[in-house]
Protein backbone atom coordinates (compact mmCIF):
# COMPACT_ATOMS: atom_id res chain seq x y z
CA MET A 1 85.94 114.31 52.60
CA ALA A 2 87.31 117.82 52.46
CA HIS A 3 88.75 119.56 55.86
CA THR A 4 88.77 122.95 56.93
CA ALA A 5 92.12 123.71 59.41
CA VAL A 6 89.53 124.45 62.55
CA PRO A 7 88.87 121.50 64.48
CA ASP A 8 86.01 120.44 66.44
CA HIS A 9 87.90 121.15 69.46
CA GLU A 10 91.38 122.22 70.19
CA VAL A 11 92.17 119.04 71.91
CA LEU A 12 90.83 115.42 72.48
CA ILE A 13 91.18 113.62 75.49
CA ILE A 14 91.28 109.30 75.02
CA GLY A 15 90.36 107.95 77.94
CA GLY A 16 88.15 108.85 81.19
CA GLY A 17 90.54 107.23 83.57
CA LEU A 18 92.20 109.33 86.29
CA SER A 19 94.60 110.13 83.65
CA GLY A 20 92.08 111.58 81.11
CA ILE A 21 90.58 113.28 83.99
CA GLY A 22 94.03 114.70 85.42
CA ALA A 23 94.87 116.07 81.61
CA ALA A 24 91.61 117.43 81.50
CA ILE A 25 91.85 119.27 84.62
CA MET A 26 95.60 120.37 83.67
CA LEU A 27 94.76 121.45 80.65
CA ASP A 28 91.80 123.87 81.67
CA ARG A 29 93.93 125.27 84.38
CA ALA A 30 96.57 126.44 81.52
CA GLY A 31 94.11 128.11 79.63
CA PHE A 32 93.03 125.04 77.00
CA SER A 33 89.12 124.59 77.96
CA ASP A 34 88.31 123.41 74.53
CA TYR A 35 88.59 119.67 75.25
CA LEU A 36 86.36 117.28 74.61
CA LEU A 37 87.12 113.69 76.70
CA ILE A 38 86.32 110.56 74.69
CA GLU A 39 85.21 107.57 77.16
CA GLU A 40 84.21 103.93 76.05
CA GLY A 41 82.51 103.11 79.07
CA ASP A 42 79.22 104.52 80.69
CA GLY A 43 81.37 105.21 83.79
CA PHE A 44 84.84 107.33 84.84
CA GLY A 45 87.32 105.90 86.52
CA GLY A 46 89.06 104.39 84.30
CA ALA A 47 90.68 100.69 86.69
CA TRP A 48 88.17 102.03 89.33
CA HIS A 49 85.10 101.89 87.00
CA TRP A 50 85.98 98.52 85.64
CA ASN A 51 87.24 96.33 88.40
CA THR A 52 84.99 95.97 91.16
CA TYR A 53 86.19 92.53 92.05
CA PRO A 54 85.81 91.45 95.79
CA GLY A 55 88.86 93.40 97.84
CA VAL A 56 89.82 95.67 95.16
CA GLY A 57 91.63 98.13 96.51
CA VAL A 58 94.97 100.84 95.67
CA ASP A 59 98.61 98.80 95.94
CA ILE A 60 100.29 102.10 97.49
CA PRO A 61 99.30 104.27 100.20
CA SER A 62 95.82 106.37 99.57
CA PHE A 63 98.17 109.86 100.03
CA ALA A 64 100.34 109.58 97.36
CA TYR A 65 97.30 108.37 94.62
CA GLN A 66 95.86 111.71 94.47
CA PHE A 67 96.34 114.74 92.42
CA SER A 68 99.00 117.65 93.84
CA PHE A 69 96.04 120.08 93.10
CA GLU A 70 93.06 117.97 94.79
CA GLN A 71 94.22 116.54 97.77
CA VAL A 72 91.62 114.66 100.17
CA ALA A 73 91.72 113.78 103.96
CA GLY A 74 88.29 111.31 103.51
CA TRP A 75 90.38 107.90 102.90
CA SER A 76 89.09 104.88 105.43
CA ARG A 77 92.29 102.81 105.30
CA ILE A 78 96.03 103.82 104.61
CA TYR A 79 95.29 101.76 101.31
CA ALA A 80 92.04 103.00 100.16
CA PRO A 81 89.44 100.10 98.46
CA GLY A 82 88.76 100.47 95.00
CA ALA A 83 84.87 102.16 96.11
CA GLU A 84 86.52 105.22 97.49
CA LEU A 85 88.77 105.63 94.08
CA LYS A 86 86.04 105.94 92.06
CA ALA A 87 84.37 108.38 93.95
CA TYR A 88 87.83 109.99 94.07
CA ALA A 89 87.30 110.51 90.10
CA GLU A 90 83.48 110.78 90.05
CA HIS A 91 84.52 114.11 92.90
CA CYS A 92 87.02 115.11 90.41
CA VAL A 93 85.46 114.84 87.20
CA ASP A 94 82.46 116.83 89.06
CA LYS A 95 84.07 119.16 90.83
CA TYR A 96 86.55 120.55 87.81
CA ASP A 97 83.34 120.53 85.27
CA VAL A 98 84.75 117.67 83.22
CA ARG A 99 81.46 115.99 83.16
CA ARG A 100 80.22 118.48 80.73
CA ARG A 101 83.08 118.07 78.09
CA SER A 102 83.08 114.51 77.96
CA ARG A 103 81.59 112.01 75.81
CA LEU A 104 80.61 108.64 77.35
CA CYS A 105 79.71 105.17 75.85
CA ALA A 106 82.24 106.60 72.85
CA ALA A 107 84.54 103.92 71.59
CA VAL A 108 87.47 105.03 69.38
CA VAL A 109 88.08 102.83 66.38
CA ALA A 110 90.93 104.92 64.55
CA ALA A 111 92.81 107.57 64.61
CA ASP A 112 94.17 109.63 61.47
CA TYR A 113 96.39 112.32 60.80
CA LEU A 114 95.18 114.65 58.26
CA ASP A 115 98.27 116.53 57.07
CA SER A 116 96.28 119.23 55.26
CA ALA A 117 94.71 120.66 58.15
CA ASP A 118 97.52 119.62 60.89
CA LEU A 119 94.46 118.18 62.72
CA TRP A 120 93.16 114.26 63.84
CA GLU A 121 90.22 112.49 62.77
CA ILE A 122 89.19 110.09 65.17
CA ARG A 123 86.34 107.90 64.56
CA LEU A 124 83.81 106.09 66.91
CA ASP A 125 82.30 103.33 66.97
CA ASP A 126 78.61 104.65 66.22
CA GLY A 127 79.87 105.85 62.52
CA THR A 128 80.70 109.30 64.00
CA THR A 129 83.97 111.47 63.81
CA VAL A 130 85.00 114.60 65.71
CA THR A 131 88.52 116.39 64.95
CA GLY A 132 90.74 118.04 66.92
CA ARG A 133 94.10 119.90 66.68
CA TYR A 134 95.40 117.67 69.62
CA VAL A 135 95.02 114.35 70.72
CA ILE A 136 96.20 112.77 74.03
CA SER A 137 96.20 108.82 74.46
CA ALA A 138 94.98 108.39 78.16
CA THR A 139 94.08 105.19 77.58
CA GLY A 140 96.53 103.06 79.73
CA VAL A 141 97.53 99.42 79.20
CA LEU A 142 95.99 97.61 81.85
CA THR A 143 92.94 97.77 80.66
CA LYS A 144 91.76 94.76 77.53
CA PRO A 145 91.22 91.54 79.34
CA LYS A 146 93.40 88.81 78.56
CA LYS A 147 91.95 85.10 78.52
CA PRO A 148 94.36 82.77 79.00
CA GLU A 149 95.57 80.74 76.20
CA ILE A 150 94.34 77.09 77.87
CA ASP A 151 92.38 74.28 75.94
CA GLY A 152 89.08 74.58 76.38
CA VAL A 153 88.88 77.92 78.28
CA ASP A 154 85.56 78.50 76.29
CA ASP A 155 83.54 75.30 76.59
CA PHE A 156 83.45 75.67 81.04
CA ALA A 157 79.98 74.76 81.94
CA GLY A 158 79.67 77.21 84.81
CA THR A 159 80.53 80.49 85.24
CA THR A 160 83.56 81.99 83.87
CA MET A 161 84.48 85.89 84.90
CA HIS A 162 87.42 87.75 84.50
CA THR A 163 88.47 90.29 87.69
CA ALA A 164 88.50 92.74 85.35
CA ARG A 165 84.64 91.87 84.09
CA TRP A 166 83.39 90.79 88.05
CA ASP A 167 79.92 90.40 88.19
CA ASP A 168 78.50 91.07 91.58
CA GLU A 169 75.37 89.28 90.68
CA VAL A 170 76.97 85.88 91.45
CA ASP A 171 76.78 84.32 94.74
CA LEU A 172 80.04 82.60 95.60
CA THR A 173 78.44 81.01 98.83
CA GLY A 174 79.01 77.52 99.15
CA LYS A 175 80.50 76.91 95.90
CA GLN A 176 83.17 75.15 94.27
CA VAL A 177 85.74 77.96 92.98
CA ALA A 178 88.58 77.90 90.20
CA ILE A 179 90.89 81.05 90.03
CA ILE A 180 93.85 80.76 87.70
CA GLY A 181 96.51 83.17 88.43
CA THR A 182 98.03 84.44 91.41
CA GLY A 183 99.18 87.90 90.37
CA ALA A 184 98.11 91.73 92.12
CA SER A 185 94.08 91.00 91.45
CA ALA A 186 94.23 87.47 92.85
CA VAL A 187 96.18 88.34 95.76
CA GLN A 188 93.24 90.77 96.75
CA ILE A 189 90.56 88.26 95.53
CA ILE A 190 91.44 85.12 97.39
CA PRO A 191 91.70 86.27 101.06
CA SER A 192 88.10 87.99 100.53
CA ILE A 193 86.36 84.69 98.59
CA ALA A 194 88.02 81.87 100.91
CA PRO A 195 85.95 82.46 103.89
CA ARG A 196 82.28 82.36 101.83
CA VAL A 197 82.90 79.18 99.11
CA ASP A 198 83.26 75.97 99.55
CA SER A 199 86.28 75.11 97.99
CA LEU A 200 88.82 77.03 96.46
CA THR A 201 91.45 75.53 94.05
CA VAL A 202 94.41 78.35 93.13
CA PHE A 203 96.22 77.53 89.91
CA GLN A 204 99.41 78.86 90.30
CA ARG A 205 102.18 79.33 87.29
CA THR A 206 104.85 81.69 88.88
CA PRO A 207 104.33 82.73 92.39
CA ILE A 208 104.54 85.93 93.31
CA TRP A 209 106.43 88.31 95.50
CA CYS A 210 104.49 89.41 98.53
CA LEU A 211 105.29 91.58 101.00
CA PRO A 212 103.70 93.09 103.95
CA LYS A 213 101.54 95.71 104.14
CA PRO A 214 101.58 98.66 106.43
CA ASP A 215 97.93 99.11 106.27
CA ALA A 216 95.22 100.09 109.09
CA PRO A 217 92.06 102.31 109.35
CA LEU A 218 92.57 105.76 109.34
CA PRO A 219 90.98 107.38 112.37
CA GLY A 220 88.69 109.71 111.99
CA ALA A 221 90.26 112.57 114.39
CA LEU A 222 93.23 112.06 111.81
CA ARG A 223 91.41 112.35 109.13
CA THR A 224 90.16 115.47 110.91
CA GLY A 225 93.36 116.36 111.67
CA LEU A 226 94.38 116.50 108.00
CA ARG A 227 91.58 118.70 106.81
CA MET A 228 92.49 121.19 109.82
CA VAL A 229 95.65 121.30 110.16
CA PRO A 230 97.88 123.42 106.84
CA GLY A 231 99.59 121.65 105.40
CA SER A 232 99.18 117.86 107.18
CA LYS A 233 97.82 116.93 103.64
CA ALA A 234 100.90 117.67 101.70
CA VAL A 235 103.37 116.02 104.72
CA ALA A 236 101.34 113.01 104.00
CA ARG A 237 101.57 113.06 100.37
CA LEU A 238 105.03 113.83 100.91
CA ALA A 239 105.64 110.70 102.96
CA SER A 240 103.94 108.03 100.89
CA GLN A 241 105.36 109.25 97.85
CA LEU A 242 108.82 108.81 99.49
CA TYR A 243 107.87 104.86 100.62
CA VAL A 244 106.73 104.23 97.12
CA GLU A 245 110.08 105.52 95.72
CA VAL A 246 111.90 103.51 98.01
CA THR A 247 110.28 100.36 97.39
CA PHE A 248 110.07 100.33 93.49
CA PRO A 249 111.82 102.82 91.01
CA LEU A 250 114.67 103.40 93.38
CA ALA A 251 114.96 99.76 93.99
CA ALA A 252 114.21 98.40 90.60
CA HIS A 253 116.05 101.51 88.14
CA PHE A 254 119.13 101.26 90.66
CA HIS A 255 119.20 97.73 91.63
CA GLY A 256 123.31 97.30 91.19
CA LEU A 257 123.53 100.81 93.22
CA LEU A 258 121.43 100.33 95.82
CA PRO A 259 121.20 97.26 98.77
CA ALA A 260 116.86 97.67 98.95
CA ALA A 261 115.90 94.84 97.12
CA LYS A 262 117.90 92.60 98.57
CA ALA A 263 116.32 93.81 102.17
CA GLY A 264 113.17 93.52 100.27
CA GLU A 265 113.72 89.84 99.35
CA GLN A 266 114.60 88.93 102.97
CA LEU A 267 111.48 90.84 104.50
CA GLY A 268 109.67 88.48 101.93
CA TYR A 269 111.11 85.01 102.54
CA LEU A 270 110.77 86.53 106.63
CA HIS A 271 106.87 87.23 105.70
CA LEU A 272 106.38 84.03 103.80
CA LYS A 273 107.76 81.77 106.62
CA ARG A 274 105.35 83.62 109.52
CA SER A 275 102.20 83.17 107.40
CA VAL A 276 102.64 79.20 105.58
CA ARG A 277 102.42 76.67 107.84
CA ASP A 278 102.93 73.95 105.52
CA PRO A 279 106.44 73.87 104.29
CA GLN A 280 105.47 72.38 101.05
CA VAL A 281 103.21 74.94 100.42
CA ARG A 282 105.67 77.73 101.77
CA GLN A 283 108.23 76.41 99.41
CA GLN A 284 105.33 76.28 96.59
CA LEU A 285 104.76 80.19 97.13
CA THR A 286 108.41 81.14 97.40
CA PRO A 287 109.80 83.05 94.11
CA GLN A 288 112.29 81.85 92.49
CA TYR A 289 113.45 85.42 90.49
CA SER A 290 114.44 88.59 91.76
CA LEU A 291 112.22 90.86 93.47
CA GLY A 292 111.00 93.54 91.41
CA CYS A 293 111.17 91.32 88.06
CA LYS A 294 107.64 91.38 87.70
CA ARG A 295 104.96 93.47 89.65
CA PRO A 296 105.04 92.70 93.82
CA SER A 297 102.10 92.78 95.93
CA PHE A 298 101.42 93.80 99.26
CA SER A 299 99.07 91.98 101.62
CA ASN A 300 99.00 90.89 105.54
CA THR A 301 96.00 88.53 104.37
CA TYR A 302 97.07 86.33 101.53
CA LEU A 303 99.71 83.92 102.38
CA ARG A 304 97.20 82.88 105.41
CA THR A 305 94.77 82.24 103.36
CA PHE A 306 96.55 79.15 102.06
CA ASN A 307 96.35 77.50 105.82
CA ARG A 308 92.79 77.31 105.33
CA ASP A 309 91.56 73.65 104.79
CA ASN A 310 89.20 74.74 102.14
CA VAL A 311 91.60 76.55 100.01
CA HIS A 312 94.26 74.59 97.97
CA LEU A 313 97.25 75.45 95.76
CA GLU A 314 97.57 73.85 92.33
CA THR A 315 101.16 73.87 91.05
CA ARG A 316 100.81 71.51 88.41
CA SER A 317 100.08 72.64 84.41
CA ILE A 318 96.58 72.86 83.61
CA GLU A 319 96.15 70.53 80.46
CA ALA A 320 92.39 71.78 79.59
CA ILE A 321 89.74 73.28 80.93
CA THR A 322 86.02 70.97 80.26
CA ALA A 323 82.69 71.90 80.06
CA ASP A 324 82.91 70.90 84.31
CA GLY A 325 85.74 71.80 85.82
CA VAL A 326 89.58 72.07 85.49
CA ARG A 327 92.08 68.81 84.22
CA THR A 328 95.85 69.12 85.20
CA VAL A 329 98.47 67.67 83.34
CA ASP A 330 98.51 64.46 85.35
CA GLY A 331 95.03 63.72 84.59
CA VAL A 332 93.35 64.73 87.74
CA GLU A 333 90.24 66.98 86.58
CA ARG A 334 88.96 68.86 89.52
CA PRO A 335 84.94 70.05 89.37
CA VAL A 336 84.20 73.87 89.37
CA ASP A 337 81.21 75.63 89.67
CA VAL A 338 82.62 78.94 89.24
CA LEU A 339 86.09 79.72 87.17
CA ILE A 340 87.62 82.98 87.88
CA LEU A 341 90.48 84.34 85.50
CA ALA A 342 92.86 86.75 87.24
CA THR A 343 95.18 86.52 84.26
CA GLY A 344 95.65 89.76 83.37
CA PHE A 345 95.23 92.44 80.65
CA LYS A 346 97.10 92.95 77.28
CA VAL A 347 99.95 94.98 77.75
CA PHE A 348 102.20 94.86 74.87
CA ASP A 349 100.09 92.68 72.52
CA LYS A 350 99.10 93.81 69.28
CA GLY A 351 95.99 96.08 69.62
CA ASN A 352 96.19 97.61 72.85
CA MET A 353 98.74 100.20 72.79
CA PRO A 354 97.10 102.61 72.06
CA PRO A 355 93.25 100.21 71.52
CA TYR A 356 92.66 101.42 68.07
CA PRO A 357 94.53 101.94 65.15
CA VAL A 358 96.65 105.33 64.73
CA THR A 359 97.87 106.59 61.29
CA GLY A 360 100.32 109.52 61.51
CA THR A 361 101.99 111.09 58.60
CA ALA A 362 102.20 109.54 54.89
CA GLY A 363 100.08 107.01 55.80
CA ARG A 364 102.21 105.08 58.79
CA GLY A 365 100.93 103.10 61.78
CA LEU A 366 101.73 103.68 65.13
CA GLU A 367 102.27 99.63 65.95
CA GLU A 368 104.02 99.69 62.33
CA PHE A 369 106.74 102.08 64.22
CA TRP A 370 106.80 100.22 66.95
CA THR A 371 106.85 96.67 65.19
CA GLN A 372 109.90 98.02 63.20
CA ASN A 373 111.72 100.31 66.09
CA ARG A 374 110.90 98.49 69.18
CA PHE A 375 108.70 100.61 71.79
CA GLN A 376 110.20 104.16 72.31
CA ALA A 377 108.66 107.23 72.66
CA TYR A 378 110.07 110.80 73.41
CA HIS A 379 110.03 111.03 77.47
CA GLY A 380 106.68 108.64 76.93
CA VAL A 381 105.07 111.70 75.23
CA SER A 382 105.59 111.96 71.64
CA VAL A 383 106.73 109.56 68.71
CA PRO A 384 108.26 111.17 65.46
CA SER A 385 105.86 110.67 62.58
CA PHE A 386 102.55 111.22 64.69
CA PRO A 387 102.57 115.19 65.38
CA ASN A 388 100.25 116.78 67.21
CA TYR A 389 100.00 113.32 69.10
CA PHE A 390 100.46 112.84 72.87
CA MET A 391 100.33 109.64 75.51
CA ILE A 392 100.30 110.04 79.01
CA LEU A 393 101.57 106.20 79.01
CA GLY A 394 103.54 105.74 76.25
CA PRO A 395 106.83 103.42 76.19
CA TYR A 396 110.05 104.89 78.55
CA GLY A 397 107.54 107.32 80.60
CA TYR A 398 106.19 105.46 83.59
CA ASN A 399 109.27 105.06 86.09
CA GLY A 400 107.06 103.26 88.64
CA SER A 401 106.18 105.83 91.18
CA SER A 402 102.71 106.89 92.32
CA TYR A 403 100.80 106.68 88.72
CA PHE A 404 99.34 109.94 89.40
CA ASN A 405 103.20 111.64 89.67
CA LEU A 406 102.87 110.26 85.68
CA ILE A 407 99.89 111.78 85.17
CA GLU A 408 101.38 114.92 86.23
CA THR A 409 104.51 115.11 84.75
CA GLN A 410 103.16 113.87 81.01
CA THR A 411 100.09 116.23 81.17
CA ASN A 412 103.02 119.37 81.79
CA HIS A 413 104.79 118.07 79.06
CA VAL A 414 102.04 118.30 76.75
CA ILE A 415 101.10 122.07 78.43
CA ARG A 416 104.74 123.17 77.79
CA LEU A 417 104.26 122.14 74.54
CA LEU A 418 100.80 123.98 73.62
CA THR A 419 101.59 126.92 75.33
CA GLU A 420 104.47 127.16 72.40
CA ALA A 421 102.74 126.37 69.82
CA ARG A 422 99.73 129.43 70.67
CA THR A 423 102.70 131.65 71.43
CA ARG A 424 104.18 130.75 68.21
CA GLY A 425 101.00 130.24 66.15
CA SER A 426 101.88 126.71 65.48
CA THR A 427 99.44 124.24 64.43
CA ARG A 428 101.66 121.42 64.28
CA VAL A 429 103.71 119.81 66.94
CA GLU A 430 106.46 116.99 66.30
CA VAL A 431 109.39 115.33 68.19
CA THR A 432 112.51 115.15 65.98
CA ALA A 433 113.41 111.82 65.18
CA GLU A 434 117.33 112.73 66.20
CA ALA A 435 115.58 113.93 69.79
CA ASN A 436 113.45 110.56 69.94
CA ALA A 437 116.65 108.63 69.14
CA ASP A 438 118.57 110.35 71.65
CA TYR A 439 116.47 109.89 73.97
CA PHE A 440 115.85 105.95 73.34
CA GLU A 441 119.78 105.66 73.54
CA LYS A 442 119.88 107.32 76.61
CA VAL A 443 117.26 105.07 78.69
CA LEU A 444 118.95 101.79 77.01
CA GLY A 445 122.00 103.01 78.19
CA ARG A 446 120.64 102.87 81.74
CA ARG A 447 120.04 99.42 81.96
CA GLY A 448 123.28 98.28 83.54
CA ASN A 449 121.26 99.09 86.74
CA GLN A 450 118.05 97.88 86.76
CA VAL A 451 116.81 94.32 88.45
CA PHE A 452 115.47 93.38 85.26
CA PHE A 453 118.77 92.93 83.24
CA GLN A 454 121.10 92.63 86.45
CA GLY A 455 118.76 90.22 88.63
CA ASP A 456 117.78 87.03 88.00
CA CYS A 457 114.15 87.55 85.95
CA GLY A 458 114.31 84.30 83.93
CA GLY A 459 111.39 82.69 85.38
CA ALA A 460 109.10 85.60 86.77
CA ASN A 461 106.97 85.57 83.26
CA SER A 462 106.99 89.09 84.15
CA TYR A 463 104.55 91.37 81.80
CA TYR A 464 106.90 94.08 82.14
CA PHE A 465 109.36 92.54 79.13
CA ASP A 466 108.23 92.92 75.56
CA ASP A 467 108.46 90.88 73.04
CA ASN A 468 112.51 92.16 71.92
CA GLY A 469 113.41 91.52 75.78
CA ASP A 470 112.74 95.09 76.45
CA VAL A 471 111.07 96.75 79.46
CA PRO A 472 109.94 100.10 78.59
CA LEU A 473 110.04 101.63 82.04
CA ARG A 474 111.81 104.50 82.30
CA PRO A 475 114.96 104.35 84.55
CA SER A 476 114.74 107.39 86.41
CA PRO A 477 113.78 108.50 89.90
CA THR A 478 110.47 110.75 89.88
CA LEU A 479 112.29 113.99 90.70
CA GLU A 480 114.31 113.97 87.34
CA THR A 481 111.12 112.74 85.70
CA MET A 482 109.81 116.50 87.05
CA TRP A 483 112.04 118.19 86.14
CA ASP A 484 112.25 116.98 82.45
CA ALA A 485 108.60 117.23 82.02
CA ARG A 486 109.18 121.32 82.56
CA ARG A 487 112.76 121.53 81.37
CA PHE A 488 113.52 119.36 78.65
CA PRO A 489 114.69 121.44 75.00
CA LEU A 490 111.85 123.16 72.83
CA THR A 491 114.31 122.51 70.03
CA ASP A 492 113.78 118.69 70.15
CA TYR A 493 110.11 119.62 68.57
CA ARG A 494 109.29 121.23 65.28
CA PHE A 495 106.84 123.53 65.75
CA GLU A 496 104.97 124.27 61.86
CA SER A 497 102.23 126.12 60.53
CA VAL A 498 99.44 125.30 57.72
CA ALA A 499 99.95 128.10 56.03
CA HIS A 500 103.80 128.02 56.86
CA ARG A 501 104.87 124.42 56.35
CA THR A 502 108.20 125.08 55.39
CA GLU A 503 109.23 128.00 58.07
CA PRO A 504 111.96 126.87 60.53
CA ASN A 505 112.28 126.93 63.51
CA PRO A 506 112.93 129.66 66.16
CA VAL A 507 115.92 129.27 67.79
CA GLN A 508 115.43 128.53 71.40
């Protein structure tokens, strides 16, 4: 099939979550209005569209969890519930005219770069194709539910639900419920459903660090003040961002220099002691790894839930799931009506990052590149041999701060490239292998102070670690990521055109 150098759209954005929405809005504001946003689901919001389980909510203060250009004052709590984040996504889609330039219920099955035309061909699950000069992959990584590798998991005769695909029509009242996993989603679900079930058995492999949550309803007077007083929303957002910065990016990436992690551990131990009455249960809930090795959680109700008579913490390994319940290695089988899988997502699993095959120049696959060379990407945005393909959540892009900082930082990086390409009349933008290698060496060189490689992470079972033992989080404070997005050397990229493939890059 022959292709011209004129694509259907200048930019294709894959993913209708907040990262895709943010990229669309920022592109439009920068003068790149010819985009198509492609979303697999039937609505916008990404995680906030798919995750509707009881208790779902943001795990950082709401004021930090919003775009800098679209700050709202109507959050009901310091930590907003999921429905409000979903509403915020829909608000942004409508206010900035994203919906008209989007295609829902369209799953991408493959992305192929056409060398001869300097464009990407995207194949969809309905058999159609669409072409774009540039692609922005905004699919995230915590999107594909991961089923536990336990014998008999498909044989259970009762109701099975993954936390990310919750069925609101299932009534848990008076039921015998089991939940496998004690990660971030489970921490929110367990205290939400415990009061209405007959019994709740929590199967824990690894205890989670749980810290007090500085949460409270936001009074109407305060929300009114935020709307009326100039600059107040910006101040609230900055304060929230500073709180997040101290509690993860600085604590995790500068563990060897700052005492924040140790102070956080002491706070965690105190919170656990004050919350759980039974010494044996308290010991079972005590993490044996350093704070920050895996994603911590914040809750004022999770630990106290284990004081309830109808809640049982089970730390013995699961031998199998039967038609009627869950059997542990000691041979005891617990009868179950509803089985909840809080077993997380496919993160570094093959076929998930991104969740469709990507073929660049000379037929090279992105997954193949990472298998051979380890996960890496220049500033988490670009990979050599994959021109015009940019990522929001690529390896070593996210530093652990507010996800909205990441969205805006990565999109600013991309906009700088597209603006330069438009100025030069270029149709192809590709990071150089040398620049990518230098950046990879830089991030690996900062491992010495990270908690992942200095702390005791051996028993954490953390999804932060990939198969190579790497943690592809960016070891940088947020201000550095923002600065780099606007100041990285343009000479780290090659700018070419279809008509002049061998044209040298102008000197910056």
